[in-house]
Amino acid sequence: MRSDCGTVALDALGVLRARGPDALSFLQGQLSNDLTRLAVDRSLLAGYHNPQGRVIALLRVVQLAPDDLLAVLPRELLTTVVARLTKFILRAKVKLADESQQWRLGGVLHGDVAAGDAVGLVAALPAEVNCVAHIAGASVVRVAQQPARWLCVSPGSQSALPGTTGVAAPETWQRLAIAAGEPQVYAVTSEEFVAQMLNLDALGAIAFDKGCYTGQEVIARAHYRGRVKRRMQRFVTRTPHALRAGEAGTLVDGRAFKVVDAVPLVDGRCEFLAVAPLIGAEPQAAAPASAGPGERLEAEALTLPYPLPS
């Protein structure tokens, strides 16, 4: 059985730090998940939305202490997110800061972790998704079950986790995230998608039984009053083709799509996540203007590792 763990640098991610007696209660009123379920050994994925329920950013929240939280998100969105959140602080006792320079973000990859594996670092890694282990000063969050992946948040001065061997390319992490059906929001797609379009309900990133937060009314209405007809789905192009987040197009069956995330494969094809109408959910949509007349993308639908809410 393999017991080695590889690492990948995630330099495109950054850290927002929220500190103060009201840090948790303040973010509870801004993010879609129930942060009262947060603990030093439990992380949460949450969305930050505009009043129309569209996702500004996705945040992976880690608790260092009751009044000290870290939120991991793409660096390119940090300035915008900090500025927007700061407008709502008012009298809350909380300080927000972009601390990307003070923290090191990386991924840990391991292809075969079993319950009885007790070799070095593997034994210390958290076994359940969203659980956090604190190893050599780093907070290590399990973000996927199979293949096993962990997000490692450590002080910038700290060296790599002891016991890791080998370094993978960032595209490896991205490819595994896409295979796991994990969305990401970039500057080019910020405020493009309503929460359920990115399957945030299927991924446990929305708490429908918590109090109000920005965008909650729209998100709750979509949940309680009708089926969401456009959702993120997973595809692979049939021929060599390059796609990027934010690109729009039309599938051969006439469904319009917008790319959430994409990664090239070694044979030139592209695996990607895209928001598109579900089969049979609505009539074939016309191609967006940017797709060009008559252009259709030949792509094979791939399964997601989780069911979509009906």
C-alpha atoms as a PDB file:
ATOM      1  CA  MET A   1       0.000   0.000   0.000  1.00  0.00           C
ATOM      2  CA  ARG A   2       1.281   3.459  -0.835  1.00  0.00           C
ATOM      3  CA  SER A   3       2.008   5.636   2.145  1.00  0.00           C
ATOM      4  CA  ASP A   4       3.679   8.597   0.462  1.00  0.00           C
ATOM      5  CA  CYS A   5       2.072  12.032   0.091  1.00  0.00           C
ATOM      6  CA  GLY A   6       2.822  14.520  -2.672  1.00  0.00           C
ATOM      7  CA  THR A   7       2.354  18.261  -2.439  1.00  0.00           C
ATOM      8  CA  VAL A   8       1.262  20.993  -4.819  1.00  0.00           C
ATOM      9  CA  ALA A   9       1.738  24.743  -4.410  1.00  0.00           C
ATOM     10  CA  LEU A  10      -1.542  26.667  -4.617  1.00  0.00           C
ATOM     11  CA  ASP A  11      -0.134  30.146  -5.136  1.00  0.00           C
ATOM     12  CA  ALA A  12      -3.291  31.359  -6.913  1.00  0.00           C
ATOM     13  CA  LEU A  13      -5.152  31.165  -3.605  1.00  0.00           C
ATOM     14  CA  GLY A  14      -5.044  33.754  -0.867  1.00  0.00           C
ATOM     15  CA  VAL A  15      -6.159  34.241   2.731  1.00  0.00           C
ATOM     16  CA  LEU A  16      -8.686  36.622   4.237  1.00  0.00           C
ATOM     17  CA  ARG A  17      -8.350  36.841   8.014  1.00  0.00           C
ATOM     18  CA  ALA A  18     -11.212  37.901  10.284  1.00  0.00           C
ATOM     19  CA  ARG A  19     -10.306  38.629  13.910  1.00  0.00           C
ATOM     20  CA  GLY A  20     -12.225  40.029  16.847  1.00  0.00           C
ATOM     21  CA  PRO A  21     -15.033  39.127  19.269  1.00  0.00           C
ATOM     22  CA  ASP A  22     -17.639  39.491  16.487  1.00  0.00           C
ATOM     23  CA  ALA A  23     -15.673  37.747  13.712  1.00  0.00           C
ATOM     24  CA  LEU A  24     -17.867  34.646  13.607  1.00  0.00           C
ATOM     25  CA  SER A  25     -21.210  36.434  14.053  1.00  0.00           C
ATOM     26  CA  PHE A  26     -20.280  38.985  11.386  1.00  0.00           C
ATOM     27  CA  LEU A  27     -19.433  36.354   8.770  1.00  0.00           C
ATOM     28  CA  GLN A  28     -22.498  34.361   9.821  1.00  0.00           C
ATOM     29  CA  GLY A  29     -24.598  37.232   8.467  1.00  0.00           C
ATOM     30  CA  GLN A  30     -22.666  37.368   5.200  1.00  0.00           C
ATOM     31  CA  LEU A  31     -21.965  33.778   4.094  1.00  0.00           C
ATOM     32  CA  SER A  32     -24.327  31.008   3.004  1.00  0.00           C
ATOM     33  CA  ASN A  33     -23.216  28.275   5.398  1.00  0.00           C
ATOM     34  CA  ASP A  34     -23.948  28.007   9.110  1.00  0.00           C
ATOM     35  CA  LEU A  35     -20.725  29.111  10.749  1.00  0.00           C
ATOM     36  CA  THR A  36     -21.958  28.027  14.177  1.00  0.00           C
ATOM     37  CA  ARG A  37     -20.982  24.534  12.953  1.00  0.00           C
ATOM     38  CA  LEU A  38     -17.412  25.702  12.491  1.00  0.00           C
ATOM     39  CA  ALA A  39     -14.788  24.398  14.943  1.00  0.00           C
ATOM     40  CA  VAL A  40     -11.024  24.163  15.184  1.00  0.00           C
ATOM     41  CA  ASP A  41     -11.368  20.606  13.885  1.00  0.00           C
ATOM     42  CA  ARG A  42     -14.096  21.321  11.307  1.00  0.00           C
ATOM     43  CA  SER A  43     -13.900  23.564   8.227  1.00  0.00           C
ATOM     44  CA  LEU A  44     -16.775  24.763   6.069  1.00  0.00           C
ATOM     45  CA  LEU A  45     -17.234  25.711   2.425  1.00  0.00           C
ATOM     46  CA  ALA A  46     -19.466  28.754   1.964  1.00  0.00           C
ATOM     47  CA  GLY A  47     -20.554  31.218  -0.679  1.00  0.00           C
ATOM     48  CA  TYR A  48     -20.450  35.002  -0.469  1.00  0.00           C
ATOM     49  CA  HIS A  49     -23.299  36.374  -2.578  1.00  0.00           C
ATOM     50  CA  ASN A  50     -24.714  39.632  -3.835  1.00  0.00           C
ATOM     51  CA  PRO A  51     -28.342  40.583  -3.027  1.00  0.00           C
ATOM     52  CA  GLN A  52     -29.482  38.776  -6.205  1.00  0.00           C
ATOM     53  CA  GLY A  53     -28.072  35.489  -4.866  1.00  0.00           C
ATOM     54  CA  ARG A  54     -25.204  35.393  -7.344  1.00  0.00           C
ATOM     55  CA  VAL A  55     -21.885  34.096  -6.093  1.00  0.00           C
ATOM     56  CA  ILE A  56     -19.197  36.734  -5.597  1.00  0.00           C
ATOM     57  CA  ALA A  57     -16.703  34.208  -4.232  1.00  0.00           C
ATOM     58  CA  LEU A  58     -16.400  30.757  -2.688  1.00  0.00           C
ATOM     59  CA  LEU A  59     -14.602  30.621   0.654  1.00  0.00           C
ATOM     60  CA  ARG A  60     -13.121  27.698   2.551  1.00  0.00           C
ATOM     61  CA  VAL A  61     -13.346  28.842   6.199  1.00  0.00           C
ATOM     62  CA  VAL A  62     -10.969  27.544   8.877  1.00  0.00           C
ATOM     63  CA  GLN A  63     -11.184  28.449  12.568  1.00  0.00           C
ATOM     64  CA  LEU A  64      -7.924  29.062  14.413  1.00  0.00           C
ATOM     65  CA  ALA A  65      -9.715  30.229  17.572  1.00  0.00           C
ATOM     66  CA  PRO A  66     -13.278  31.355  18.429  1.00  0.00           C
ATOM     67  CA  ASP A  67     -12.414  34.938  17.431  1.00  0.00           C
ATOM     68  CA  ASP A  68      -9.888  34.172  14.680  1.00  0.00           C
ATOM     69  CA  LEU A  69     -10.979  32.837  11.278  1.00  0.00           C
ATOM     70  CA  LEU A  70      -9.192  32.291   7.973  1.00  0.00           C
ATOM     71  CA  ALA A  71     -11.027  32.181   4.647  1.00  0.00           C
ATOM     72  CA  VAL A  72      -9.256  30.750   1.597  1.00  0.00           C
ATOM     73  CA  LEU A  73     -10.273  32.043  -1.848  1.00  0.00           C
ATOM     74  CA  PRO A  74      -8.614  33.074  -5.130  1.00  0.00           C
ATOM     75  CA  ARG A  75      -6.139  35.914  -4.615  1.00  0.00           C
ATOM     76  CA  GLU A  76      -7.587  37.824  -7.550  1.00  0.00           C
ATOM     77  CA  LEU A  77     -10.866  38.253  -5.625  1.00  0.00           C
ATOM     78  CA  LEU A  78      -9.473  39.200  -2.241  1.00  0.00           C
ATOM     79  CA  THR A  79      -9.365  42.971  -2.685  1.00  0.00           C
ATOM     80  CA  THR A  80     -12.962  43.007  -3.909  1.00  0.00           C
ATOM     81  CA  VAL A  81     -14.248  40.701  -1.172  1.00  0.00           C
ATOM     82  CA  VAL A  82     -12.494  42.560   1.655  1.00  0.00           C
ATOM     83  CA  ALA A  83     -13.773  45.914   0.363  1.00  0.00           C
ATOM     84  CA  ARG A  84     -17.364  44.691   0.043  1.00  0.00           C
ATOM     85  CA  LEU A  85     -17.422  42.992   3.430  1.00  0.00           C
ATOM     86  CA  THR A  86     -15.874  46.006   5.142  1.00  0.00           C
ATOM     87  CA  LYS A  87     -18.861  48.154   4.136  1.00  0.00           C
ATOM     88  CA  PHE A  88     -21.084  46.053   6.416  1.00  0.00           C
ATOM     89  CA  ILE A  89     -18.915  45.986   9.541  1.00  0.00           C
ATOM     90  CA  LEU A  90     -20.523  49.108  11.090  1.00  0.00           C
ATOM     91  CA  ARG A  91     -20.229  48.604  14.880  1.00  0.00           C
ATOM     92  CA  ALA A  92     -19.160  44.969  14.759  1.00  0.00           C
ATOM     93  CA  LYS A  93     -15.918  44.238  16.589  1.00  0.00           C
ATOM     94  CA  VAL A  94     -14.088  42.556  13.749  1.00  0.00           C
ATOM     95  CA  LYS A  95     -11.065  43.363  11.606  1.00  0.00           C
ATOM     96  CA  LEU A  96     -10.682  42.013   8.072  1.00  0.00           C
ATOM     97  CA  ALA A  97      -7.350  41.808   6.298  1.00  0.00           C
ATOM     98  CA  ASP A  98      -5.768  40.271   3.228  1.00  0.00           C
ATOM     99  CA  GLU A  99      -3.027  38.126   4.794  1.00  0.00           C
ATOM    100  CA  SER A 100      -2.043  36.176   1.700  1.00  0.00           C
ATOM    101  CA  GLN A 101       1.598  37.156   2.156  1.00  0.00           C
ATOM    102  CA  GLN A 102       1.680  35.750   5.679  1.00  0.00           C
ATOM    103  CA  TRP A 103       0.357  32.269   4.818  1.00  0.00           C
ATOM    104  CA  ARG A 104       1.467  29.381   2.645  1.00  0.00           C
ATOM    105  CA  LEU A 105      -1.276  27.481   0.790  1.00  0.00           C
ATOM    106  CA  GLY A 106      -0.715  24.061  -0.654  1.00  0.00           C
ATOM    107  CA  GLY A 107      -2.368  20.780  -1.464  1.00  0.00           C
ATOM    108  CA  VAL A 108      -1.557  17.305  -0.219  1.00  0.00           C
ATOM    109  CA  LEU A 109      -2.284  14.396  -2.546  1.00  0.00           C
ATOM    110  CA  HIS A 110      -2.410  10.734  -1.649  1.00  0.00           C
ATOM    111  CA  GLY A 111      -3.904   8.065  -3.861  1.00  0.00           C
ATOM    112  CA  ASP A 112      -4.576   5.265  -1.405  1.00  0.00           C
ATOM    113  CA  VAL A 113      -5.430   6.112   2.188  1.00  0.00           C
ATOM    114  CA  ALA A 114      -7.078   3.305   4.137  1.00  0.00           C
ATOM    115  CA  ALA A 115      -8.499   3.195   7.655  1.00  0.00           C
ATOM    116  CA  GLY A 116      -5.665   1.055   8.976  1.00  0.00           C
ATOM    117  CA  ASP A 117      -2.844   3.012   7.355  1.00  0.00           C
ATOM    118  CA  ALA A 118      -0.580   4.234  10.129  1.00  0.00           C
ATOM    119  CA  VAL A 119       2.481   5.393   8.239  1.00  0.00           C
ATOM    120  CA  GLY A 120       3.920   8.794   9.114  1.00  0.00           C
ATOM    121  CA  LEU A 121       1.956  11.761   7.853  1.00  0.00           C
ATOM    122  CA  VAL A 122      -0.863   9.603   6.471  1.00  0.00           C
ATOM    123  CA  ALA A 123      -1.932   8.568   9.965  1.00  0.00           C
ATOM    124  CA  ALA A 124      -2.208  12.206  11.061  1.00  0.00           C
ATOM    125  CA  LEU A 125      -4.277  13.440   8.107  1.00  0.00           C
ATOM    126  CA  PRO A 126      -8.026  13.895   8.753  1.00  0.00           C
ATOM    127  CA  ALA A 127     -10.111  11.023   7.389  1.00  0.00           C
ATOM    128  CA  GLU A 128     -13.429  12.793   6.761  1.00  0.00           C
ATOM    129  CA  VAL A 129     -14.223  15.616   4.342  1.00  0.00           C
ATOM    130  CA  ASN A 130     -14.234  19.053   6.041  1.00  0.00           C
ATOM    131  CA  CYS A 131     -12.370  17.747   9.088  1.00  0.00           C
ATOM    132  CA  VAL A 132      -9.220  19.611  10.138  1.00  0.00           C
ATOM    133  CA  ALA A 133      -6.012  18.313  11.680  1.00  0.00           C
ATOM    134  CA  HIS A 134      -3.328  20.599  13.081  1.00  0.00           C
ATOM    135  CA  ILE A 135       0.045  19.202  12.078  1.00  0.00           C
ATOM    136  CA  ALA A 136       3.377  20.914  12.748  1.00  0.00           C
ATOM    137  CA  GLY A 137       1.719  24.335  12.945  1.00  0.00           C
ATOM    138  CA  ALA A 138      -0.404  23.850   9.804  1.00  0.00           C
ATOM    139  CA  SER A 139      -4.173  23.465   9.495  1.00  0.00           C
ATOM    140  CA  VAL A 140      -4.847  20.570   7.118  1.00  0.00           C
ATOM    141  CA  VAL A 141      -8.407  20.215   5.754  1.00  0.00           C
ATOM    142  CA  ARG A 142      -9.690  17.179   3.912  1.00  0.00           C
ATOM    143  CA  VAL A 143     -11.508  18.532   0.854  1.00  0.00           C
ATOM    144  CA  ALA A 144     -12.157  15.330  -1.121  1.00  0.00           C
ATOM    145  CA  GLN A 145     -12.631  11.655  -0.414  1.00  0.00           C
ATOM    146  CA  GLN A 146     -11.489   9.909  -3.600  1.00  0.00           C
ATOM    147  CA  PRO A 147      -8.915  10.610  -4.795  1.00  0.00           C
ATOM    148  CA  ALA A 148      -7.894  11.852  -1.380  1.00  0.00           C
ATOM    149  CA  ARG A 149      -6.941  15.549  -1.221  1.00  0.00           C
ATOM    150  CA  TRP A 150      -6.182  17.949   1.596  1.00  0.00           C
ATOM    151  CA  LEU A 151      -5.777  21.730   1.695  1.00  0.00           C
ATOM    152  CA  CYS A 152      -2.863  22.821   3.858  1.00  0.00           C
ATOM    153  CA  VAL A 153      -2.821  26.327   5.400  1.00  0.00           C
ATOM    154  CA  SER A 154       0.410  27.118   7.194  1.00  0.00           C
ATOM    155  CA  PRO A 155       2.358  30.204   8.299  1.00  0.00           C
ATOM    156  CA  GLY A 156       4.487  31.558   5.477  1.00  0.00           C
ATOM    157  CA  SER A 157       7.715  30.949   7.374  1.00  0.00           C
ATOM    158  CA  GLN A 158       6.964  27.254   7.835  1.00  0.00           C
ATOM    159  CA  SER A 159       8.562  24.599   5.657  1.00  0.00           C
ATOM    160  CA  ALA A 160       6.658  21.792   3.927  1.00  0.00           C
ATOM    161  CA  LEU A 161       4.814  19.227   6.037  1.00  0.00           C
ATOM    162  CA  PRO A 162       7.159  16.530   7.313  1.00  0.00           C
ATOM    163  CA  GLY A 163       6.648  13.243   5.493  1.00  0.00           C
ATOM    164  CA  THR A 164       5.656  14.672   2.108  1.00  0.00           C
ATOM    165  CA  THR A 165       7.524  13.520  -0.986  1.00  0.00           C
ATOM    166  CA  GLY A 166       7.341  14.817  -4.537  1.00  0.00           C
ATOM    167  CA  VAL A 167       5.798  17.974  -5.960  1.00  0.00           C
ATOM    168  CA  ALA A 168       2.850  17.974  -8.385  1.00  0.00           C
ATOM    169  CA  ALA A 169       1.855  20.710 -10.838  1.00  0.00           C
ATOM    170  CA  PRO A 170      -1.060  23.006  -9.904  1.00  0.00           C
ATOM    171  CA  GLU A 171      -2.930  21.576 -12.913  1.00  0.00           C
ATOM    172  CA  THR A 172      -3.028  18.224 -11.116  1.00  0.00           C
ATOM    173  CA  TRP A 173      -4.982  19.767  -8.230  1.00  0.00           C
ATOM    174  CA  GLN A 174      -7.271  21.564 -10.676  1.00  0.00           C
ATOM    175  CA  ARG A 175      -7.912  18.372 -12.669  1.00  0.00           C
ATOM    176  CA  LEU A 176      -8.845  16.456  -9.513  1.00  0.00           C
ATOM    177  CA  ALA A 177     -11.100  19.293  -8.339  1.00  0.00           C
ATOM    178  CA  ILE A 178     -12.939  19.284 -11.660  1.00  0.00           C
ATOM    179  CA  ALA A 179     -13.309  15.494 -11.534  1.00  0.00           C
ATOM    180  CA  ALA A 180     -14.777  15.911  -8.040  1.00  0.00           C
ATOM    181  CA  GLY A 181     -17.289  18.479  -9.318  1.00  0.00           C
ATOM    182  CA  GLU A 182     -15.879  21.258  -7.150  1.00  0.00           C
ATOM    183  CA  PRO A 183     -16.631  24.720  -8.544  1.00  0.00           C
ATOM    184  CA  GLN A 184     -14.373  27.721  -8.296  1.00  0.00           C
ATOM    185  CA  VAL A 185     -15.285  31.365  -8.847  1.00  0.00           C
ATOM    186  CA  TYR A 186     -12.762  33.661 -10.520  1.00  0.00           C
ATOM    187  CA  ALA A 187     -12.845  37.370 -11.291  1.00  0.00           C
ATOM    188  CA  VAL A 188     -14.230  36.617 -14.753  1.00  0.00           C
ATOM    189  CA  THR A 189     -17.159  34.611 -13.314  1.00  0.00           C
ATOM    190  CA  SER A 190     -17.809  36.524 -10.088  1.00  0.00           C
ATOM    191  CA  GLU A 191     -21.540  37.381  -9.814  1.00  0.00           C
ATOM    192  CA  GLU A 192     -22.380  35.234 -12.865  1.00  0.00           C
ATOM    193  CA  PHE A 193     -24.060  32.270 -11.168  1.00  0.00           C
ATOM    194  CA  VAL A 194     -26.785  31.832  -8.554  1.00  0.00           C
ATOM    195  CA  ALA A 195     -25.649  29.540  -5.745  1.00  0.00           C
ATOM    196  CA  GLN A 196     -27.546  26.429  -6.895  1.00  0.00           C
ATOM    197  CA  MET A 197     -26.185  26.784 -10.421  1.00  0.00           C
ATOM    198  CA  LEU A 198     -22.789  25.892  -8.924  1.00  0.00           C
ATOM    199  CA  ASN A 199     -24.292  22.957  -6.977  1.00  0.00           C
ATOM    200  CA  LEU A 200     -23.487  24.613  -3.663  1.00  0.00           C
ATOM    201  CA  ASP A 201     -26.553  22.949  -2.162  1.00  0.00           C
ATOM    202  CA  ALA A 202     -25.279  19.507  -3.223  1.00  0.00           C
ATOM    203  CA  LEU A 203     -21.853  20.301  -1.781  1.00  0.00           C
ATOM    204  CA  GLY A 204     -23.140  21.317   1.651  1.00  0.00           C
ATOM    205  CA  ALA A 205     -22.151  24.967   1.226  1.00  0.00           C
ATOM    206  CA  ILE A 206     -25.656  26.336   1.912  1.00  0.00           C
ATOM    207  CA  ALA A 207     -27.521  26.113   5.221  1.00  0.00           C
ATOM    208  CA  PHE A 208     -31.235  26.580   4.551  1.00  0.00           C
ATOM    209  CA  ASP A 209     -32.111  26.599   8.258  1.00  0.00           C
ATOM    210  CA  LYS A 210     -29.883  29.499   9.337  1.00  0.00           C
ATOM    211  CA  GLY A 211     -30.791  33.141   9.667  1.00  0.00           C
ATOM    212  CA  CYS A 212     -30.538  35.837   7.054  1.00  0.00           C
ATOM    213  CA  TYR A 213     -27.456  36.543   4.984  1.00  0.00           C
ATOM    214  CA  THR A 214     -26.860  38.524   1.811  1.00  0.00           C
ATOM    215  CA  GLY A 215     -28.667  36.837  -1.096  1.00  0.00           C
ATOM    216  CA  GLN A 216     -30.561  34.447   1.193  1.00  0.00           C
ATOM    217  CA  GLU A 217     -34.031  35.337  -0.109  1.00  0.00           C
ATOM    218  CA  VAL A 218     -33.228  34.481  -3.733  1.00  0.00           C
ATOM    219  CA  ILE A 219     -31.340  31.301  -2.803  1.00  0.00           C
ATOM    220  CA  ALA A 220     -34.144  30.103  -0.515  1.00  0.00           C
ATOM    221  CA  ARG A 221     -36.796  30.830  -3.152  1.00  0.00           C
ATOM    222  CA  ALA A 222     -34.948  28.716  -5.705  1.00  0.00           C
ATOM    223  CA  HIS A 223     -34.732  25.909  -3.145  1.00  0.00           C
ATOM    224  CA  TYR A 224     -38.316  25.875  -1.908  1.00  0.00           C
ATOM    225  CA  ARG A 225     -40.364  27.017  -4.895  1.00  0.00           C
ATOM    226  CA  GLY A 226     -39.035  25.128  -7.855  1.00  0.00           C
ATOM    227  CA  ARG A 227     -36.426  22.960  -9.447  1.00  0.00           C
ATOM    228  CA  VAL A 228     -33.240  24.662 -10.579  1.00  0.00           C
ATOM    229  CA  LYS A 229     -33.103  24.161 -14.351  1.00  0.00           C
ATOM    230  CA  ARG A 230     -29.518  25.246 -14.984  1.00  0.00           C
ATOM    231  CA  ARG A 231     -26.757  23.532 -13.051  1.00  0.00           C
ATOM    232  CA  MET A 232     -23.048  22.926 -13.187  1.00  0.00           C
ATOM    233  CA  GLN A 233     -22.235  19.749 -15.087  1.00  0.00           C
ATOM    234  CA  ARG A 234     -19.029  17.976 -16.047  1.00  0.00           C
ATOM    235  CA  PHE A 235     -17.868  17.467 -19.640  1.00  0.00           C
ATOM    236  CA  VAL A 236     -14.864  16.514 -21.748  1.00  0.00           C
ATOM    237  CA  THR A 237     -14.384  17.704 -25.315  1.00  0.00           C
ATOM    238  CA  ARG A 238     -14.307  14.960 -27.955  1.00  0.00           C
ATOM    239  CA  THR A 239     -11.512  16.643 -29.917  1.00  0.00           C
ATOM    240  CA  PRO A 240      -8.592  18.907 -28.969  1.00  0.00           C
ATOM    241  CA  HIS A 241     -10.038  22.173 -27.738  1.00  0.00           C
ATOM    242  CA  ALA A 242      -8.980  24.915 -25.295  1.00  0.00           C
ATOM    243  CA  LEU A 243     -11.503  26.385 -22.875  1.00  0.00           C
ATOM    244  CA  ARG A 244     -11.213  28.893 -20.064  1.00  0.00           C
ATOM    245  CA  ALA A 245     -13.411  29.934 -17.154  1.00  0.00           C
ATOM    246  CA  GLY A 246     -16.059  32.415 -18.251  1.00  0.00           C
ATOM    247  CA  GLU A 247     -16.188  31.305 -21.896  1.00  0.00           C
ATOM    248  CA  ALA A 248     -19.646  30.738 -23.352  1.00  0.00           C
ATOM    249  CA  GLY A 249     -20.716  28.407 -26.106  1.00  0.00           C
ATOM    250  CA  THR A 250     -23.284  25.907 -27.314  1.00  0.00           C
ATOM    251  CA  LEU A 251     -23.244  22.146 -27.118  1.00  0.00           C
ATOM    252  CA  VAL A 252     -24.166  20.054 -30.155  1.00  0.00           C
ATOM    253  CA  ASP A 253     -27.629  19.444 -28.674  1.00  0.00           C
ATOM    254  CA  GLY A 254     -28.294  23.200 -28.643  1.00  0.00           C
ATOM    255  CA  ARG A 255     -27.833  23.837 -24.929  1.00  0.00           C
ATOM    256  CA  ALA A 256     -25.983  27.060 -24.122  1.00  0.00           C
ATOM    257  CA  PHE A 257     -23.227  26.750 -21.531  1.00  0.00           C
ATOM    258  CA  LYS A 258     -20.784  28.897 -19.600  1.00  0.00           C
ATOM    259  CA  VAL A 259     -17.507  27.448 -18.340  1.00  0.00           C
ATOM    260  CA  VAL A 260     -16.927  27.424 -14.582  1.00  0.00           C
ATOM    261  CA  ASP A 261     -13.477  25.812 -14.674  1.00  0.00           C
ATOM    262  CA  ALA A 262     -11.425  23.907 -17.248  1.00  0.00           C
ATOM    263  CA  VAL A 263      -8.156  21.996 -17.476  1.00  0.00           C
ATOM    264  CA  PRO A 264      -6.321  20.680 -20.563  1.00  0.00           C
ATOM    265  CA  LEU A 265      -5.651  16.955 -20.897  1.00  0.00           C
ATOM    266  CA  VAL A 266      -2.435  15.452 -22.252  1.00  0.00           C
ATOM    267  CA  ASP A 267      -4.089  14.572 -25.568  1.00  0.00           C
ATOM    268  CA  GLY A 268      -5.220  18.148 -26.204  1.00  0.00           C
ATOM    269  CA  ARG A 269      -8.808  17.641 -25.143  1.00  0.00           C
ATOM    270  CA  CYS A 270     -10.284  19.640 -22.283  1.00  0.00           C
ATOM    271  CA  GLU A 271     -12.183  18.511 -19.214  1.00  0.00           C
ATOM    272  CA  PHE A 272     -14.432  21.215 -17.843  1.00  0.00           C
ATOM    273  CA  LEU A 273     -17.259  22.183 -15.528  1.00  0.00           C
ATOM    274  CA  ALA A 274     -19.965  24.325 -17.083  1.00  0.00           C
ATOM    275  CA  VAL A 275     -23.381  25.647 -16.142  1.00  0.00           C
ATOM    276  CA  ALA A 276     -25.945  24.477 -18.674  1.00  0.00           C
ATOM    277  CA  PRO A 277     -29.620  23.495 -18.740  1.00  0.00           C
ATOM    278  CA  LEU A 278     -30.250  20.030 -17.398  1.00  0.00           C
ATOM    279  CA  ILE A 279     -31.419  17.560 -20.032  1.00  0.00           C
ATOM    280  CA  GLY A 280     -35.182  17.929 -20.373  1.00  0.00           C
ATOM    281  CA  ALA A 281     -35.335  20.865 -17.960  1.00  0.00           C
ATOM    282  CA  GLU A 282     -36.067  23.494 -20.593  1.00  0.00           C
ATOM    283  CA  PRO A 283     -36.191  23.890 -24.373  1.00  0.00           C
ATOM    284  CA  GLN A 284     -32.940  24.132 -26.260  1.00  0.00           C
ATOM    285  CA  ALA A 285     -31.392  27.528 -25.643  1.00  0.00           C
ATOM    286  CA  ALA A 286     -30.078  29.742 -28.373  1.00  0.00           C
ATOM    287  CA  ALA A 287     -26.341  30.178 -28.632  1.00  0.00           C
ATOM    288  CA  PRO A 288     -24.927  33.230 -26.848  1.00  0.00           C
ATOM    289  CA  ALA A 289     -23.652  35.961 -29.109  1.00  0.00           C
ATOM    290  CA  SER A 290     -20.021  35.212 -28.251  1.00  0.00           C
ATOM    291  CA  ALA A 291     -20.285  31.661 -29.573  1.00  0.00           C
ATOM    292  CA  GLY A 292     -20.486  32.695 -33.219  1.00  0.00           C
ATOM    293  CA  PRO A 293     -23.116  31.550 -35.740  1.00  0.00           C
ATOM    294  CA  GLY A 294     -23.280  27.806 -36.297  1.00  0.00           C
ATOM    295  CA  GLU A 295     -20.541  26.894 -33.810  1.00  0.00           C
ATOM    296  CA  ARG A 296     -21.254  23.846 -31.676  1.00  0.00           C
ATOM    297  CA  LEU A 297     -18.933  22.158 -29.210  1.00  0.00           C
ATOM    298  CA  GLU A 298     -18.739  18.383 -29.311  1.00  0.00           C
ATOM    299  CA  ALA A 299     -18.409  17.281 -25.705  1.00  0.00           C
ATOM    300  CA  GLU A 300     -19.177  14.133 -23.777  1.00  0.00           C
ATOM    301  CA  ALA A 301     -21.075  14.447 -20.509  1.00  0.00           C
ATOM    302  CA  LEU A 302     -19.261  12.905 -17.539  1.00  0.00           C
ATOM    303  CA  THR A 303     -20.803  11.880 -14.236  1.00  0.00           C
ATOM    304  CA  LEU A 304     -20.451  13.902 -11.068  1.00  0.00           C
ATOM    305  CA  PRO A 305     -19.479  12.039  -7.889  1.00  0.00           C
ATOM    306  CA  TYR A 306     -22.552  13.373  -6.072  1.00  0.00           C
ATOM    307  CA  PRO A 307     -26.290  13.461  -6.878  1.00  0.00           C
ATOM    308  CA  LEU A 308     -27.989  16.693  -7.861  1.00  0.00           C
ATOM    309  CA  PRO A 309     -31.050  17.692  -5.826  1.00  0.00           C
ATOM    310  CA  SER A 310     -34.284  17.009  -7.681  1.00  0.00           C
END
